[in-house]
């Protein structure tokens, strides 16, 4: 989807959620937080990969809400996850912030459920029969 958006002249940024949250935390320390938020708000398509791999702490929840609030109704955000959506609330933690985050992310969203093997598995160049001596 990001490639298609870029071919259509839109900007896109892919980041694993855990890395983004770490970058936001570091940006607070070096005075770049507002600039990073502004840059994320300008990207046409933001892809947050591996949603739900870790429970969010209070700082993570506030940062994620800031990112999503800046983008809500203005830009597209894609979240990918292996965790079912009905478990996202628990991973976020605090019920009030979880409601706010999910309202901004899931409201007017398209949900695409994929089935089958991982693309990484099916596209792997390594096979059980290929050996090197």
C-alpha atoms as a PDB file:
ATOM      1  CA  UNK A   1       0.000   0.000   0.000  1.00  0.00           C
ATOM      2  CA  UNK A   2       2.849   2.368   0.787  1.00  0.00           C
ATOM      3  CA  UNK A   3       4.504   1.653  -2.560  1.00  0.00           C
ATOM      4  CA  UNK A   4       1.248   2.388  -4.352  1.00  0.00           C
ATOM      5  CA  UNK A   5       0.835   5.632  -2.404  1.00  0.00           C
ATOM      6  CA  UNK A   6       4.359   6.705  -3.375  1.00  0.00           C
ATOM      7  CA  UNK A   7       3.742   5.865  -7.033  1.00  0.00           C
ATOM      8  CA  UNK A   8       0.662   8.086  -6.818  1.00  0.00           C
ATOM      9  CA  UNK A   9       2.775  10.990  -5.531  1.00  0.00           C
ATOM     10  CA  UNK A  10       2.091  10.660  -1.806  1.00  0.00           C
ATOM     11  CA  UNK A  11       4.650  10.428   0.964  1.00  0.00           C
ATOM     12  CA  UNK A  12       4.902   7.339   3.149  1.00  0.00           C
ATOM     13  CA  UNK A  13       6.826   6.354   6.249  1.00  0.00           C
ATOM     14  CA  UNK A  14       7.157   2.807   7.592  1.00  0.00           C
ATOM     15  CA  UNK A  15       8.201   2.179  11.185  1.00  0.00           C
ATOM     16  CA  UNK A  16       7.799  -0.582  13.726  1.00  0.00           C
ATOM     17  CA  UNK A  17       5.710   0.761  16.599  1.00  0.00           C
ATOM     18  CA  UNK A  18       8.295  -0.170  19.221  1.00  0.00           C
ATOM     19  CA  UNK A  19      10.985   1.771  17.327  1.00  0.00           C
ATOM     20  CA  UNK A  20       8.731   4.802  16.895  1.00  0.00           C
ATOM     21  CA  UNK A  21       7.963   4.890  20.606  1.00  0.00           C
ATOM     22  CA  UNK A  22      11.684   4.682  21.380  1.00  0.00           C
ATOM     23  CA  UNK A  23      12.420   7.499  18.897  1.00  0.00           C
ATOM     24  CA  UNK A  24       9.739   9.675  20.495  1.00  0.00           C
ATOM     25  CA  UNK A  25      11.213   9.093  23.937  1.00  0.00           C
ATOM     26  CA  UNK A  26      14.715  10.007  22.732  1.00  0.00           C
ATOM     27  CA  UNK A  27      13.362  13.067  20.917  1.00  0.00           C
ATOM     28  CA  UNK A  28      12.009  14.391  24.201  1.00  0.00           C
ATOM     29  CA  UNK A  29      15.494  14.212  25.685  1.00  0.00           C
ATOM     30  CA  UNK A  30      17.262  15.989  22.852  1.00  0.00           C
ATOM     31  CA  UNK A  31      14.637  18.655  22.225  1.00  0.00           C
ATOM     32  CA  UNK A  32      13.396  17.218  18.914  1.00  0.00           C
ATOM     33  CA  UNK A  33      10.003  15.937  20.107  1.00  0.00           C
ATOM     34  CA  UNK A  34       7.888  18.718  18.581  1.00  0.00           C
ATOM     35  CA  UNK A  35       9.804  18.482  15.296  1.00  0.00           C
ATOM     36  CA  UNK A  36       9.364  14.697  15.131  1.00  0.00           C
ATOM     37  CA  UNK A  37       5.634  15.008  15.821  1.00  0.00           C
ATOM     38  CA  UNK A  38       5.330  17.677  13.118  1.00  0.00           C
ATOM     39  CA  UNK A  39       7.171  15.476  10.604  1.00  0.00           C
ATOM     40  CA  UNK A  40       4.957  12.488  11.403  1.00  0.00           C
ATOM     41  CA  UNK A  41       1.859  14.656  11.023  1.00  0.00           C
ATOM     42  CA  UNK A  42       2.925  15.678   7.493  1.00  0.00           C
ATOM     43  CA  UNK A  43       3.463  12.172   6.096  1.00  0.00           C
ATOM     44  CA  UNK A  44       0.546  11.154   3.872  1.00  0.00           C
ATOM     45  CA  UNK A  45       0.671   7.458   4.846  1.00  0.00           C
ATOM     46  CA  UNK A  46       2.169   6.326   8.145  1.00  0.00           C
ATOM     47  CA  UNK A  47       2.591   2.565   8.572  1.00  0.00           C
ATOM     48  CA  UNK A  48       2.866   1.372  12.170  1.00  0.00           C
ATOM     49  CA  UNK A  49       4.074  -2.214  11.955  1.00  0.00           C
ATOM     50  CA  UNK A  50       3.951  -4.884  14.662  1.00  0.00           C
ATOM     51  CA  UNK A  51       1.195  -3.220  16.676  1.00  0.00           C
ATOM     52  CA  UNK A  52       0.685  -4.955  20.008  1.00  0.00           C
ATOM     53  CA  UNK A  53       4.023  -6.718  20.428  1.00  0.00           C
ATOM     54  CA  UNK A  54       4.440  -5.100  23.823  1.00  0.00           C
ATOM     55  CA  UNK A  55       2.192  -3.535  26.415  1.00  0.00           C
ATOM     56  CA  UNK A  56       2.378   0.236  26.374  1.00  0.00           C
ATOM     57  CA  UNK A  57       3.501   2.206  29.385  1.00  0.00           C
ATOM     58  CA  UNK A  58       2.065   5.604  30.342  1.00  0.00           C
ATOM     59  CA  UNK A  59       4.590   7.547  28.260  1.00  0.00           C
ATOM     60  CA  UNK A  60       3.992   5.325  25.220  1.00  0.00           C
ATOM     61  CA  UNK A  61       0.232   5.817  25.464  1.00  0.00           C
ATOM     62  CA  UNK A  62       0.532   9.599  25.633  1.00  0.00           C
ATOM     63  CA  UNK A  63       3.010   9.710  22.737  1.00  0.00           C
ATOM     64  CA  UNK A  64       0.905   7.436  20.549  1.00  0.00           C
ATOM     65  CA  UNK A  65      -2.171   9.536  21.241  1.00  0.00           C
ATOM     66  CA  UNK A  66      -0.253  12.676  20.204  1.00  0.00           C
ATOM     67  CA  UNK A  67       0.812  11.080  16.909  1.00  0.00           C
ATOM     68  CA  UNK A  68      -2.673   9.803  16.110  1.00  0.00           C
ATOM     69  CA  UNK A  69      -4.411  13.013  17.180  1.00  0.00           C
ATOM     70  CA  UNK A  70      -2.214  15.056  14.819  1.00  0.00           C
ATOM     71  CA  UNK A  71      -3.075  12.719  11.933  1.00  0.00           C
ATOM     72  CA  UNK A  72      -6.747  11.992  12.647  1.00  0.00           C
ATOM     73  CA  UNK A  73      -8.977  13.117   9.798  1.00  0.00           C
ATOM     74  CA  UNK A  74      -6.013  14.570   7.903  1.00  0.00           C
ATOM     75  CA  UNK A  75      -3.699  11.729   6.881  1.00  0.00           C
ATOM     76  CA  UNK A  76      -3.813   7.946   6.551  1.00  0.00           C
ATOM     77  CA  UNK A  77      -2.420   5.629   9.194  1.00  0.00           C
ATOM     78  CA  UNK A  78      -1.994   1.894   8.706  1.00  0.00           C
ATOM     79  CA  UNK A  79      -1.473  -0.405  11.673  1.00  0.00           C
ATOM     80  CA  UNK A  80      -0.359  -3.976  11.104  1.00  0.00           C
ATOM     81  CA  UNK A  81      -0.614  -6.588  13.800  1.00  0.00           C
ATOM     82  CA  UNK A  82      -0.712 -10.288  14.408  1.00  0.00           C
ATOM     83  CA  UNK A  83      -2.781  -9.554  17.497  1.00  0.00           C
ATOM     84  CA  UNK A  84      -6.571  -9.636  17.015  1.00  0.00           C
ATOM     85  CA  UNK A  85      -8.165  -6.184  17.270  1.00  0.00           C
ATOM     86  CA  UNK A  86     -10.304  -7.242  20.219  1.00  0.00           C
ATOM     87  CA  UNK A  87      -7.085  -7.519  22.263  1.00  0.00           C
ATOM     88  CA  UNK A  88      -5.652  -4.096  21.348  1.00  0.00           C
ATOM     89  CA  UNK A  89      -7.438  -2.360  24.225  1.00  0.00           C
ATOM     90  CA  UNK A  90      -5.661  -4.578  26.758  1.00  0.00           C
ATOM     91  CA  UNK A  91      -2.239  -4.043  25.168  1.00  0.00           C
ATOM     92  CA  UNK A  92      -2.656  -0.276  25.302  1.00  0.00           C
ATOM     93  CA  UNK A  93      -3.481  -0.428  28.993  1.00  0.00           C
ATOM     94  CA  UNK A  94      -5.204   2.567  30.583  1.00  0.00           C
ATOM     95  CA  UNK A  95      -8.871   2.309  29.589  1.00  0.00           C
ATOM     96  CA  UNK A  96      -9.419   6.026  28.973  1.00  0.00           C
ATOM     97  CA  UNK A  97      -6.334   6.462  26.794  1.00  0.00           C
ATOM     98  CA  UNK A  98      -6.993   3.159  25.049  1.00  0.00           C
ATOM     99  CA  UNK A  99     -10.464   4.407  24.109  1.00  0.00           C
ATOM    100  CA  UNK A 100      -9.009   7.680  22.813  1.00  0.00           C
ATOM    101  CA  UNK A 101      -6.235   5.974  20.825  1.00  0.00           C
ATOM    102  CA  UNK A 102      -8.491   3.353  19.282  1.00  0.00           C
ATOM    103  CA  UNK A 103     -11.171   5.914  18.490  1.00  0.00           C
ATOM    104  CA  UNK A 104      -8.653   7.841  16.396  1.00  0.00           C
ATOM    105  CA  UNK A 105      -7.152   4.763  14.803  1.00  0.00           C
ATOM    106  CA  UNK A 106     -10.148   2.515  14.204  1.00  0.00           C
ATOM    107  CA  UNK A 107     -12.865   5.124  13.503  1.00  0.00           C
ATOM    108  CA  UNK A 108     -13.541   5.113   9.737  1.00  0.00           C
ATOM    109  CA  UNK A 109     -10.927   2.364   9.306  1.00  0.00           C
ATOM    110  CA  UNK A 110     -10.861  -0.499   6.863  1.00  0.00           C
ATOM    111  CA  UNK A 111     -10.072  -3.824   8.497  1.00  0.00           C
ATOM    112  CA  UNK A 112      -8.237  -6.396   6.392  1.00  0.00           C
ATOM    113  CA  UNK A 113      -7.762  -9.854   7.862  1.00  0.00           C
ATOM    114  CA  UNK A 114      -5.089 -11.908   6.138  1.00  0.00           C
ATOM    115  CA  UNK A 115      -4.914 -15.678   6.309  1.00  0.00           C
ATOM    116  CA  UNK A 116      -2.287 -18.204   5.383  1.00  0.00           C
ATOM    117  CA  UNK A 117       1.436 -18.484   5.793  1.00  0.00           C
ATOM    118  CA  UNK A 118       3.691 -15.528   6.463  1.00  0.00           C
ATOM    119  CA  UNK A 119       4.970 -13.840   3.313  1.00  0.00           C
ATOM    120  CA  UNK A 120       8.458 -14.079   4.798  1.00  0.00           C
ATOM    121  CA  UNK A 121       8.112 -17.859   4.894  1.00  0.00           C
ATOM    122  CA  UNK A 122       6.700 -18.225   1.402  1.00  0.00           C
ATOM    123  CA  UNK A 123       9.221 -15.866  -0.201  1.00  0.00           C
ATOM    124  CA  UNK A 124      12.277 -17.268   1.551  1.00  0.00           C
ATOM    125  CA  UNK A 125      15.104 -18.254  -0.758  1.00  0.00           C
ATOM    126  CA  UNK A 126      16.152 -21.004   1.639  1.00  0.00           C
ATOM    127  CA  UNK A 127      14.503 -24.381   1.399  1.00  0.00           C
ATOM    128  CA  UNK A 128      14.883 -27.651   3.232  1.00  0.00           C
ATOM    129  CA  UNK A 129      16.210 -29.341   0.091  1.00  0.00           C
ATOM    130  CA  UNK A 130      18.830 -26.740  -0.780  1.00  0.00           C
ATOM    131  CA  UNK A 131      22.182 -27.535   0.794  1.00  0.00           C
ATOM    132  CA  UNK A 132      25.632 -26.210   0.207  1.00  0.00           C
ATOM    133  CA  UNK A 133      28.789 -28.272   0.627  1.00  0.00           C
END
